PDB file of N, CA and C in Angstrom:
ATOM      1  N   MET A   1      -9.669  -1.663   2.663  1.00  0.00           N
ATOM      2  CA  MET A   1      -8.299  -1.734   2.226  1.00  0.00           C
ATOM      3  C   MET A   1      -7.408  -1.390   3.411  1.00  0.00           C
ATOM      4  N   LYS A   2      -6.372  -2.205   3.590  1.00  0.00           N
ATOM      5  CA  LYS A   2      -5.393  -1.953   4.644  1.00  0.00           C
ATOM      6  C   LYS A   2      -4.120  -1.424   4.002  1.00  0.00           C
ATOM      7  N   VAL A   3      -3.592  -0.347   4.587  1.00  0.00           N
ATOM      8  CA  VAL A   3      -2.418   0.319   4.042  1.00  0.00           C
ATOM      9  C   VAL A   3      -1.489   0.691   5.193  1.00  0.00           C
ATOM     10  N   VAL A   4      -0.195   0.569   4.956  1.00  0.00           N
ATOM     11  CA  VAL A   4       0.806   1.110   5.861  1.00  0.00           C
ATOM     12  C   VAL A   4       1.612   2.117   5.061  1.00  0.00           C
ATOM     13  N   VAL A   5       1.726   3.337   5.594  1.00  0.00           N
ATOM     14  CA  VAL A   5       2.513   4.388   4.950  1.00  0.00           C
ATOM     15  C   VAL A   5       3.711   4.662   5.849  1.00  0.00           C
ATOM     16  N   ALA A   6       4.900   4.625   5.258  1.00  0.00           N
ATOM     17  CA  ALA A   6       6.116   4.818   6.046  1.00  0.00           C
ATOM     18  C   ALA A   6       7.156   5.579   5.239  1.00  0.00           C
ATOM     19  N   GLN A   7       8.160   6.041   5.956  1.00  0.00           N
ATOM     20  CA  GLN A   7       9.272   6.739   5.325  1.00  0.00           C
ATOM     21  C   GLN A   7      10.151   5.750   4.566  1.00  0.00           C
ATOM     22  N   SER A   8      10.277   4.524   5.107  1.00  0.00           N
ATOM     23  CA  SER A   8      11.031   3.455   4.436  1.00  0.00           C
ATOM     24  C   SER A   8      10.585   2.127   5.024  1.00  0.00           C
ATOM     25  N   PHE A   9      10.954   1.043   4.347  1.00  0.00           N
ATOM     26  CA  PHE A   9      10.615  -0.300   4.801  1.00  0.00           C
ATOM     27  C   PHE A   9      11.852  -1.185   4.794  1.00  0.00           C
ATOM     28  N   GLU A  10      12.011  -1.986   5.823  1.00  0.00           N
ATOM     29  CA  GLU A  10      12.978  -3.074   5.771  1.00  0.00           C
ATOM     30  C   GLU A  10      12.407  -4.105   4.810  1.00  0.00           C
ATOM     31  N   ARG A  11      13.271  -4.789   4.104  1.00  0.00           N
ATOM     32  CA  ARG A  11      12.838  -5.739   3.074  1.00  0.00           C
ATOM     33  C   ARG A  11      11.822  -6.754   3.620  1.00  0.00           C
ATOM     34  N   ILE A  12      12.126  -7.372   4.748  1.00  0.00           N
ATOM     35  CA  ILE A  12      11.254  -8.422   5.285  1.00  0.00           C
ATOM     36  C   ILE A  12       9.916  -7.846   5.755  1.00  0.00           C
ATOM     37  N   HIS A  13       9.935  -6.648   6.329  1.00  0.00           N
ATOM     38  CA  HIS A  13       8.691  -6.024   6.784  1.00  0.00           C
ATOM     39  C   HIS A  13       7.785  -5.729   5.589  1.00  0.00           C
ATOM     40  N   ARG A  14       8.371  -5.168   4.528  1.00  0.00           N
ATOM     41  CA  ARG A  14       7.604  -4.839   3.329  1.00  0.00           C
ATOM     42  C   ARG A  14       6.997  -6.103   2.724  1.00  0.00           C
ATOM     43  N   SER A  15       7.795  -7.156   2.586  1.00  0.00           N
ATOM     44  CA  SER A  15       7.274  -8.379   1.965  1.00  0.00           C
ATOM     45  C   SER A  15       6.237  -9.055   2.860  1.00  0.00           C
ATOM     46  N   ASN A  16       6.389  -8.951   4.183  1.00  0.00           N
ATOM     47  CA  ASN A  16       5.371  -9.500   5.088  1.00  0.00           C
ATOM     48  C   ASN A  16       4.046  -8.756   4.946  1.00  0.00           C
ATOM     49  N   LEU A  17       4.100  -7.445   4.787  1.00  0.00           N
ATOM     50  CA  LEU A  17       2.863  -6.680   4.580  1.00  0.00           C
ATOM     51  C   LEU A  17       2.138  -7.155   3.329  1.00  0.00           C
ATOM     52  N   VAL A  18       2.873  -7.258   2.229  1.00  0.00           N
ATOM     53  CA  VAL A  18       2.263  -7.721   0.971  1.00  0.00           C
ATOM     54  C   VAL A  18       1.692  -9.119   1.165  1.00  0.00           C
ATOM     55  N   GLY A  19       2.453  -9.978   1.849  1.00  0.00           N
ATOM     56  CA  GLY A  19       2.001 -11.346   2.087  1.00  0.00           C
ATOM     57  C   GLY A  19       0.725 -11.427   2.903  1.00  0.00           C
ATOM     58  N   MET A  20       0.436 -10.384   3.677  1.00  0.00           N
ATOM     59  CA  MET A  20      -0.797 -10.332   4.465  1.00  0.00           C
ATOM     60  C   MET A  20      -1.889  -9.525   3.771  1.00  0.00           C
ATOM     61  N   GLY A  21      -1.612  -9.077   2.535  1.00  0.00           N
ATOM     62  CA  GLY A  21      -2.619  -8.326   1.789  1.00  0.00           C
ATOM     63  C   GLY A  21      -2.701  -6.858   2.166  1.00  0.00           C
ATOM     64  N   VAL A  22      -1.636  -6.334   2.793  1.00  0.00           N
ATOM     65  CA  VAL A  22      -1.590  -4.929   3.202  1.00  0.00           C
ATOM     66  C   VAL A  22      -0.735  -4.169   2.195  1.00  0.00           C
ATOM     67  N   LEU A  23      -1.230  -3.025   1.741  1.00  0.00           N
ATOM     68  CA  LEU A  23      -0.537  -2.225   0.748  1.00  0.00           C
ATOM     69  C   LEU A  23       0.532  -1.351   1.406  1.00  0.00           C
ATOM     70  N   PRO A  24       1.820  -1.582   1.096  1.00  0.00           N
ATOM     71  CA  PRO A  24       2.865  -0.721   1.642  1.00  0.00           C
ATOM     72  C   PRO A  24       3.084   0.497   0.740  1.00  0.00           C
ATOM     73  N   LEU A  25       2.941   1.674   1.301  1.00  0.00           N
ATOM     74  CA  LEU A  25       3.176   2.922   0.569  1.00  0.00           C
ATOM     75  C   LEU A  25       4.317   3.661   1.241  1.00  0.00           C
ATOM     76  N   GLN A  26       5.194   4.233   0.433  1.00  0.00           N
ATOM     77  CA  GLN A  26       6.359   4.924   0.966  1.00  0.00           C
ATOM     78  C   GLN A  26       6.322   6.393   0.570  1.00  0.00           C
ATOM     79  N   PHE A  27       6.523   7.252   1.581  1.00  0.00           N
ATOM     80  CA  PHE A  27       6.635   8.679   1.300  1.00  0.00           C
ATOM     81  C   PHE A  27       7.812   8.911   0.368  1.00  0.00           C
ATOM     82  N   LYS A  28       7.718   9.931  -0.467  1.00  0.00           N
ATOM     83  CA  LYS A  28       8.837  10.346  -1.312  1.00  0.00           C
ATOM     84  C   LYS A  28       9.900  10.996  -0.433  1.00  0.00           C
ATOM     85  N   ASP A  29      11.125  11.050  -0.942  1.00  0.00           N
ATOM     86  CA  ASP A  29      12.245  11.630  -0.190  1.00  0.00           C
ATOM     87  C   ASP A  29      11.896  13.017   0.340  1.00  0.00           C
ATOM     88  N   GLY A  30      12.215  13.237   1.606  1.00  0.00           N
ATOM     89  CA  GLY A  30      11.991  14.537   2.221  1.00  0.00           C
ATOM     90  C   GLY A  30      10.627  14.682   2.875  1.00  0.00           C
ATOM     91  N   THR A  31       9.743  13.706   2.664  1.00  0.00           N
ATOM     92  CA  THR A  31       8.406  13.760   3.261  1.00  0.00           C
ATOM     93  C   THR A  31       8.323  12.732   4.385  1.00  0.00           C
ATOM     94  N   THR A  32       7.838  13.160   5.518  1.00  0.00           N
ATOM     95  CA  THR A  32       7.655  12.271   6.670  1.00  0.00           C
ATOM     96  C   THR A  32       6.349  12.635   7.362  1.00  0.00           C
ATOM     97  N   ALA A  33       5.952  11.814   8.309  1.00  0.00           N
ATOM     98  CA  ALA A  33       4.783  12.142   9.126  1.00  0.00           C
ATOM     99  C   ALA A  33       5.019  13.459   9.869  1.00  0.00           C
ATOM    100  N   GLN A  34       6.273  13.698  10.254  1.00  0.00           N
ATOM    101  CA  GLN A  34       6.600  14.927  10.975  1.00  0.00           C
ATOM    102  C   GLN A  34       6.504  16.154  10.057  1.00  0.00           C
ATOM    103  N   THR A  35       7.052  16.056   8.834  1.00  0.00           N
ATOM    104  CA  THR A  35       6.988  17.221   7.940  1.00  0.00           C
ATOM    105  C   THR A  35       5.552  17.523   7.535  1.00  0.00           C
ATOM    106  N   LEU A  36       4.707  16.501   7.514  1.00  0.00           N
ATOM    107  CA  LEU A  36       3.294  16.697   7.188  1.00  0.00           C
ATOM    108  C   LEU A  36       2.474  17.093   8.409  1.00  0.00           C
ATOM    109  N   LYS A  37       3.104  17.048   9.578  1.00  0.00           N
ATOM    110  CA  LYS A  37       2.449  17.392  10.847  1.00  0.00           C
ATOM    111  C   LYS A  37       1.191  16.537  11.088  1.00  0.00           C
ATOM    112  N   LEU A  38       1.355  15.227  10.857  1.00  0.00           N
ATOM    113  CA  LEU A  38       0.246  14.299  11.087  1.00  0.00           C
ATOM    114  C   LEU A  38       0.097  14.078  12.591  1.00  0.00           C
ATOM    115  N   ASP A  39      -1.154  14.064  13.060  1.00  0.00           N
ATOM    116  CA  ASP A  39      -1.381  13.883  14.494  1.00  0.00           C
ATOM    117  C   ASP A  39      -2.319  12.724  14.824  1.00  0.00           C
ATOM    118  N   GLY A  40      -2.722  11.964  13.813  1.00  0.00           N
ATOM    119  CA  GLY A  40      -3.571  10.802  14.055  1.00  0.00           C
ATOM    120  C   GLY A  40      -5.057  11.070  13.927  1.00  0.00           C
ATOM    121  N   THR A  41      -5.448  12.306  13.714  1.00  0.00           N
ATOM    122  CA  THR A  41      -6.870  12.615  13.573  1.00  0.00           C
ATOM    123  C   THR A  41      -7.302  12.637  12.107  1.00  0.00           C
ATOM    124  N   GLU A  42      -6.360  12.452  11.198  1.00  0.00           N
ATOM    125  CA  GLU A  42      -6.635  12.533   9.759  1.00  0.00           C
ATOM    126  C   GLU A  42      -7.316  11.251   9.259  1.00  0.00           C
ATOM    127  N   THR A  43      -7.963  11.387   8.105  1.00  0.00           N
ATOM    128  CA  THR A  43      -8.411  10.218   7.349  1.00  0.00           C
ATOM    129  C   THR A  43      -7.626  10.210   6.040  1.00  0.00           C
ATOM    130  N   TYR A  44      -7.504   9.026   5.470  1.00  0.00           N
ATOM    131  CA  TYR A  44      -6.643   8.857   4.304  1.00  0.00           C
ATOM    132  C   TYR A  44      -7.364   8.106   3.193  1.00  0.00           C
ATOM    133  N   ASP A  45      -7.087   8.507   1.973  1.00  0.00           N
ATOM    134  CA  ASP A  45      -7.567   7.807   0.780  1.00  0.00           C
ATOM    135  C   ASP A  45      -6.377   7.644  -0.151  1.00  0.00           C
ATOM    136  N   VAL A  46      -6.358   6.520  -0.873  1.00  0.00           N
ATOM    137  CA  VAL A  46      -5.311   6.288  -1.866  1.00  0.00           C
ATOM    138  C   VAL A  46      -5.913   6.578  -3.235  1.00  0.00           C
ATOM    139  N   VAL A  47      -5.318   7.527  -3.942  1.00  0.00           N
ATOM    140  CA  VAL A  47      -5.806   7.946  -5.253  1.00  0.00           C
ATOM    141  C   VAL A  47      -4.917   7.318  -6.326  1.00  0.00           C
ATOM    142  N   GLY A  48      -5.551   6.759  -7.342  1.00  0.00           N
ATOM    143  CA  GLY A  48      -4.796   6.179  -8.456  1.00  0.00           C
ATOM    144  C   GLY A  48      -4.644   4.677  -8.364  1.00  0.00           C
ATOM    145  N   LEU A  49      -5.149   4.077  -7.299  1.00  0.00           N
ATOM    146  CA  LEU A  49      -5.063   2.626  -7.136  1.00  0.00           C
ATOM    147  C   LEU A  49      -6.175   1.971  -7.942  1.00  0.00           C
ATOM    148  N   SER A  50      -5.792   0.995  -8.750  1.00  0.00           N
ATOM    149  CA  SER A  50      -6.779   0.269  -9.553  1.00  0.00           C
ATOM    150  C   SER A  50      -6.340  -1.182  -9.658  1.00  0.00           C
ATOM    151  N   PRO A  51      -7.190  -2.053 -10.193  1.00  0.00           N
ATOM    152  CA  PRO A  51      -6.780  -3.452 -10.391  1.00  0.00           C
ATOM    153  C   PRO A  51      -5.567  -3.584 -11.328  1.00  0.00           C
ATOM    154  N   ALA A  52      -5.273  -2.549 -12.094  1.00  0.00           N
ATOM    155  CA  ALA A  52      -4.128  -2.584 -13.019  1.00  0.00           C
ATOM    156  C   ALA A  52      -2.855  -2.053 -12.346  1.00  0.00           C
ATOM    157  N   ILE A  53      -2.761  -2.190 -11.035  1.00  0.00           N
ATOM    158  CA  ILE A  53      -1.603  -1.695 -10.296  1.00  0.00           C
ATOM    159  C   ILE A  53      -0.315  -2.318 -10.839  1.00  0.00           C
ATOM    160  N   ARG A  54       0.756  -1.527 -10.822  1.00  0.00           N
ATOM    161  CA  ARG A  54       2.065  -1.978 -11.316  1.00  0.00           C
ATOM    162  C   ARG A  54       3.088  -1.902 -10.178  1.00  0.00           C
ATOM    163  N   PRO A  55       4.122  -2.732 -10.230  1.00  0.00           N
ATOM    164  CA  PRO A  55       5.168  -2.628  -9.208  1.00  0.00           C
ATOM    165  C   PRO A  55       5.757  -1.214  -9.153  1.00  0.00           C
ATOM    166  N   GLN A  56       5.911  -0.730  -7.941  1.00  0.00           N
ATOM    167  CA  GLN A  56       6.502   0.577  -7.642  1.00  0.00           C
ATOM    168  C   GLN A  56       5.789   1.748  -8.324  1.00  0.00           C
ATOM    169  N   GLN A  57       4.517   1.597  -8.533  1.00  0.00           N
ATOM    170  CA  GLN A  57       3.714   2.652  -9.147  1.00  0.00           C
ATOM    171  C   GLN A  57       3.617   3.855  -8.210  1.00  0.00           C
ATOM    172  N   ASP A  58       3.647   5.045  -8.784  1.00  0.00           N
ATOM    173  CA  ASP A  58       3.406   6.256  -8.005  1.00  0.00           C
ATOM    174  C   ASP A  58       1.899   6.435  -7.815  1.00  0.00           C
ATOM    175  N   LEU A  59       1.511   6.774  -6.597  1.00  0.00           N
ATOM    176  CA  LEU A  59       0.115   7.004  -6.247  1.00  0.00           C
ATOM    177  C   LEU A  59       0.044   8.312  -5.461  1.00  0.00           C
ATOM    178  N   VAL A  60      -1.148   8.668  -5.058  1.00  0.00           N
ATOM    179  CA  VAL A  60      -1.343   9.881  -4.255  1.00  0.00           C
ATOM    180  C   VAL A  60      -2.076   9.486  -2.980  1.00  0.00           C
ATOM    181  N   LEU A  61      -1.555   9.942  -1.866  1.00  0.00           N
ATOM    182  CA  LEU A  61      -2.218   9.770  -0.583  1.00  0.00           C
ATOM    183  C   LEU A  61      -2.971  11.057  -0.288  1.00  0.00           C
ATOM    184  N   ARG A  62      -4.294  10.965  -0.254  1.00  0.00           N
ATOM    185  CA  ARG A  62      -5.116  12.139   0.052  1.00  0.00           C
ATOM    186  C   ARG A  62      -5.359  12.158   1.556  1.00  0.00           C
ATOM    187  N   ILE A  63      -4.866  13.199   2.180  1.00  0.00           N
ATOM    188  CA  ILE A  63      -4.986  13.355   3.624  1.00  0.00           C
ATOM    189  C   ILE A  63      -6.067  14.394   3.895  1.00  0.00           C
ATOM    190  N   THR A  64      -7.089  13.989   4.632  1.00  0.00           N
ATOM    191  CA  THR A  64      -8.135  14.927   5.038  1.00  0.00           C
ATOM    192  C   THR A  64      -7.977  15.163   6.530  1.00  0.00           C
ATOM    193  N   ARG A  65      -7.688  16.393   6.858  1.00  0.00           N
ATOM    194  CA  ARG A  65      -7.457  16.755   8.256  1.00  0.00           C
ATOM    195  C   ARG A  65      -8.781  16.970   8.986  1.00  0.00           C
ATOM    196  N   LYS A  66      -8.714  16.928  10.291  1.00  0.00           N
ATOM    197  CA  LYS A  66      -9.902  17.119  11.132  1.00  0.00           C
ATOM    198  C   LYS A  66     -10.624  18.418  10.782  1.00  0.00           C
ATOM    199  N   SER A  67      -9.862  19.429  10.381  1.00  0.00           N
ATOM    200  CA  SER A  67     -10.444  20.735  10.031  1.00  0.00           C
ATOM    201  C   SER A  67     -11.176  20.704   8.692  1.00  0.00           C
ATOM    202  N   GLY A  68     -10.990  19.623   7.925  1.00  0.00           N
ATOM    203  CA  GLY A  68     -11.579  19.529   6.589  1.00  0.00           C
ATOM    204  C   GLY A  68     -10.586  19.853   5.483  1.00  0.00           C
ATOM    205  N   ALA A  69      -9.432  20.394   5.841  1.00  0.00           N
ATOM    206  CA  ALA A  69      -8.397  20.691   4.845  1.00  0.00           C
ATOM    207  C   ALA A  69      -7.898  19.385   4.227  1.00  0.00           C
ATOM    208  N   VAL A  70      -7.653  19.440   2.922  1.00  0.00           N
ATOM    209  CA  VAL A  70      -7.209  18.251   2.185  1.00  0.00           C
ATOM    210  C   VAL A  70      -5.835  18.519   1.595  1.00  0.00           C
ATOM    211  N   GLU A  71      -4.965  17.536   1.708  1.00  0.00           N
ATOM    212  CA  GLU A  71      -3.623  17.633   1.133  1.00  0.00           C
ATOM    213  C   GLU A  71      -3.348  16.354   0.354  1.00  0.00           C
ATOM    214  N   ASN A  72      -2.864  16.498  -0.872  1.00  0.00           N
ATOM    215  CA  ASN A  72      -2.500  15.351  -1.697  1.00  0.00           C
ATOM    216  C   ASN A  72      -0.988  15.189  -1.679  1.00  0.00           C
ATOM    217  N   VAL A  73      -0.538  14.013  -1.263  1.00  0.00           N
ATOM    218  CA  VAL A  73       0.889  13.748  -1.088  1.00  0.00           C
ATOM    219  C   VAL A  73       1.293  12.593  -2.001  1.00  0.00           C
ATOM    220  N   PRO A  74       2.323  12.776  -2.835  1.00  0.00           N
ATOM    221  CA  PRO A  74       2.777  11.674  -3.683  1.00  0.00           C
ATOM    222  C   PRO A  74       3.462  10.590  -2.845  1.00  0.00           C
ATOM    223  N   VAL A  75       3.152   9.343  -3.148  1.00  0.00           N
ATOM    224  CA  VAL A  75       3.759   8.190  -2.485  1.00  0.00           C
ATOM    225  C   VAL A  75       4.093   7.144  -3.540  1.00  0.00           C
ATOM    226  N   ARG A  76       4.947   6.220  -3.170  1.00  0.00           N
ATOM    227  CA  ARG A  76       5.302   5.121  -4.061  1.00  0.00           C
ATOM    228  C   ARG A  76       4.744   3.830  -3.493  1.00  0.00           C
ATOM    229  N   CYS A  77       4.060   3.076  -4.342  1.00  0.00           N
ATOM    230  CA  CYS A  77       3.584   1.755  -3.970  1.00  0.00           C
ATOM    231  C   CYS A  77       4.804   0.845  -3.868  1.00  0.00           C
ATOM    232  N   ARG A  78       4.983   0.182  -2.734  1.00  0.00           N
ATOM    233  CA  ARG A  78       6.146  -0.676  -2.550  1.00  0.00           C
ATOM    234  C   ARG A  78       5.812  -2.152  -2.738  1.00  0.00           C
ATOM    235  N   ILE A  79       4.848  -2.410  -3.612  1.00  0.00           N
ATOM    236  CA  ILE A  79       4.724  -3.756  -4.156  1.00  0.00           C
ATOM    237  C   ILE A  79       5.763  -3.775  -5.271  1.00  0.00           C
ATOM    238  N   ASP A  80       6.791  -4.595  -5.100  1.00  0.00           N
ATOM    239  CA  ASP A  80       7.974  -4.464  -5.943  1.00  0.00           C
ATOM    240  C   ASP A  80       8.070  -5.452  -7.106  1.00  0.00           C
ATOM    241  N   THR A  81       7.285  -6.515  -7.095  1.00  0.00           N
ATOM    242  CA  THR A  81       7.412  -7.534  -8.140  1.00  0.00           C
ATOM    243  C   THR A  81       6.039  -7.946  -8.675  1.00  0.00           C
ATOM    244  N   PRO A  82       5.998  -8.493  -9.880  1.00  0.00           N
ATOM    245  CA  PRO A  82       4.707  -8.944 -10.429  1.00  0.00           C
ATOM    246  C   PRO A  82       4.008 -10.009  -9.573  1.00  0.00           C
ATOM    247  N   ILE A  83       4.745 -10.941  -8.970  1.00  0.00           N
ATOM    248  CA  ILE A  83       4.080 -11.959  -8.147  1.00  0.00           C
ATOM    249  C   ILE A  83       3.476 -11.318  -6.899  1.00  0.00           C
ATOM    250  N   GLU A  84       4.101 -10.257  -6.379  1.00  0.00           N
ATOM    251  CA  GLU A  84       3.516  -9.557  -5.238  1.00  0.00           C
ATOM    252  C   GLU A  84       2.214  -8.864  -5.617  1.00  0.00           C
ATOM    253  N   ILE A  85       2.107  -8.433  -6.863  1.00  0.00           N
ATOM    254  CA  ILE A  85       0.835  -7.877  -7.348  1.00  0.00           C
ATOM    255  C   ILE A  85      -0.254  -8.934  -7.219  1.00  0.00           C
ATOM    256  N   ASP A  86       0.065 -10.162  -7.633  1.00  0.00           N
ATOM    257  CA  ASP A  86      -0.903 -11.268  -7.531  1.00  0.00           C
ATOM    258  C   ASP A  86      -1.264 -11.540  -6.072  1.00  0.00           C
ATOM    259  N   TYR A  87      -0.266 -11.584  -5.198  1.00  0.00           N
ATOM    260  CA  TYR A  87      -0.542 -11.817  -3.772  1.00  0.00           C
ATOM    261  C   TYR A  87      -1.473 -10.739  -3.230  1.00  0.00           C
ATOM    262  N   TYR A  88      -1.161  -9.485  -3.523  1.00  0.00           N
ATOM    263  CA  TYR A  88      -1.978  -8.382  -3.025  1.00  0.00           C
ATOM    264  C   TYR A  88      -3.400  -8.450  -3.586  1.00  0.00           C
ATOM    265  N   ALA A  89      -3.520  -8.734  -4.882  1.00  0.00           N
ATOM    266  CA  ALA A  89      -4.837  -8.787  -5.533  1.00  0.00           C
ATOM    267  C   ALA A  89      -5.726  -9.875  -4.925  1.00  0.00           C
ATOM    268  N   HIS A  90      -5.105 -10.922  -4.375  1.00  0.00           N
ATOM    269  CA  HIS A  90      -5.862 -12.016  -3.776  1.00  0.00           C
ATOM    270  C   HIS A  90      -6.042 -11.856  -2.269  1.00  0.00           C
ATOM    271  N   GLY A  91      -5.565 -10.752  -1.708  1.00  0.00           N
ATOM    272  CA  GLY A  91      -5.720 -10.519  -0.278  1.00  0.00           C
ATOM    273  C   GLY A  91      -4.588 -11.069   0.558  1.00  0.00           C
ATOM    274  N   GLY A  92      -3.502 -11.494  -0.082  1.00  0.00           N
ATOM    275  CA  GLY A  92      -2.338 -12.019   0.635  1.00  0.00           C
ATOM    276  C   GLY A  92      -1.883 -13.328   0.029  1.00  0.00           C
ATOM    277  N   ILE A  93      -0.765 -13.826   0.523  1.00  0.00           N
ATOM    278  CA  ILE A  93      -0.173 -15.028  -0.050  1.00  0.00           C
ATOM    279  C   ILE A  93      -1.003 -16.280   0.253  1.00  0.00           C
ATOM    280  N   LEU A  94      -1.552 -16.387   1.455  1.00  0.00           N
ATOM    281  CA  LEU A  94      -2.331 -17.573   1.801  1.00  0.00           C
ATOM    282  C   LEU A  94      -3.572 -17.709   0.919  1.00  0.00           C
ATOM    283  N   PRO A  95      -4.392 -16.663   0.775  1.00  0.00           N
ATOM    284  CA  PRO A  95      -5.537 -16.792  -0.138  1.00  0.00           C
ATOM    285  C   PRO A  95      -5.098 -17.091  -1.581  1.00  0.00           C
ATOM    286  N   TYR A  96      -3.973 -16.512  -2.003  1.00  0.00           N
ATOM    287  CA  TYR A  96      -3.459 -16.770  -3.354  1.00  0.00           C
ATOM    288  C   TYR A  96      -3.120 -18.249  -3.519  1.00  0.00           C
ATOM    289  N   VAL A  97      -2.362 -18.794  -2.575  1.00  0.00           N
ATOM    290  CA  VAL A  97      -1.947 -20.202  -2.657  1.00  0.00           C
ATOM    291  C   VAL A  97      -3.169 -21.121  -2.603  1.00  0.00           C
ATOM    292  N   LEU A  98      -4.111 -20.841  -1.718  1.00  0.00           N
ATOM    293  CA  LEU A  98      -5.310 -21.675  -1.625  1.00  0.00           C
ATOM    294  C   LEU A  98      -6.107 -21.664  -2.932  1.00  0.00           C
ATOM    295  N   ARG A  99      -6.235 -20.501  -3.554  1.00  0.00           N
ATOM    296  CA  ARG A  99      -6.944 -20.436  -4.839  1.00  0.00           C
ATOM    297  C   ARG A  99      -6.214 -21.229  -5.912  1.00  0.00           C
ATOM    298  N   GLU A 100      -4.885 -21.163  -5.903  1.00  0.00           N
ATOM    299  CA  GLU A 100      -4.104 -21.932  -6.877  1.00  0.00           C
ATOM    300  C   GLU A 100      -4.287 -23.428  -6.676  1.00  0.00           C
ATOM    301  N   ILE A 101      -4.306 -23.873  -5.430  1.00  0.00           N
ATOM    302  CA  ILE A 101      -4.518 -25.300  -5.124  1.00  0.00           C
ATOM    303  C   ILE A 101      -5.899 -25.731  -5.573  1.00  0.00           C
ATOM    304  N   LEU A 102      -6.906 -24.899  -5.295  1.00  0.00           N
ATOM    305  CA  LEU A 102      -8.271 -25.239  -5.718  1.00  0.00           C
ATOM    306  C   LEU A 102      -8.397 -25.293  -7.231  1.00  0.00           C
ATOM    307  N   LYS A 103      -7.710 -24.411  -7.936  1.00  0.00           N
ATOM    308  CA  LYS A 103      -7.737 -24.430  -9.412  1.00  0.00           C
ATOM    309  C   LYS A 103      -7.205 -25.746  -9.945  1.00  0.00           C
ATOM    310  N   ARG A 104      -6.118 -26.230  -9.359  1.00  0.00           N
ATOM    311  CA  ARG A 104      -5.491 -27.478  -9.836  1.00  0.00           C
ATOM    312  C   ARG A 104      -6.349 -28.687  -9.530  1.00  0.00           C
ATOM    313  N   GLY A 105      -7.152 -28.586  -8.467  1.00  0.00           N
ATOM    314  CA  GLY A 105      -7.980 -29.721  -8.052  1.00  0.00           C
ATOM    315  C   GLY A 105      -9.256 -29.870  -8.875  1.00  0.00           C
ATOM    316  N   GLN A 106      -9.546 -28.917  -9.735  1.00  0.00           N
ATOM    317  CA  GLN A 106     -10.804 -28.976 -10.490  1.00  0.00           C
ATOM    318  C   GLN A 106     -10.661 -29.780 -11.738  1.00  0.00           C
TER     319      GLN A 106
END
């Protein structure tokens, strides 16, 4: 799974991520990479993500630090529309469109 976590997204950047099958997650207000003191050595897991994902669903980003300490941070899924859910579920807009074309050709 590919994910980008940011403080905010420009509209076109967010939609391009979804179109490429990348999950855009946004920190809640007041939370940033700086306030979390992220240094790039952490590993991340997304908690609460399932095939039943909904637009703008709240999820949890589980951060495991190099020391082994774990922190759960609330984030918002920035898939904003139902069609973007379909794009993401298919791995991006191109795989989605190709599957739709193949369905019609059968």
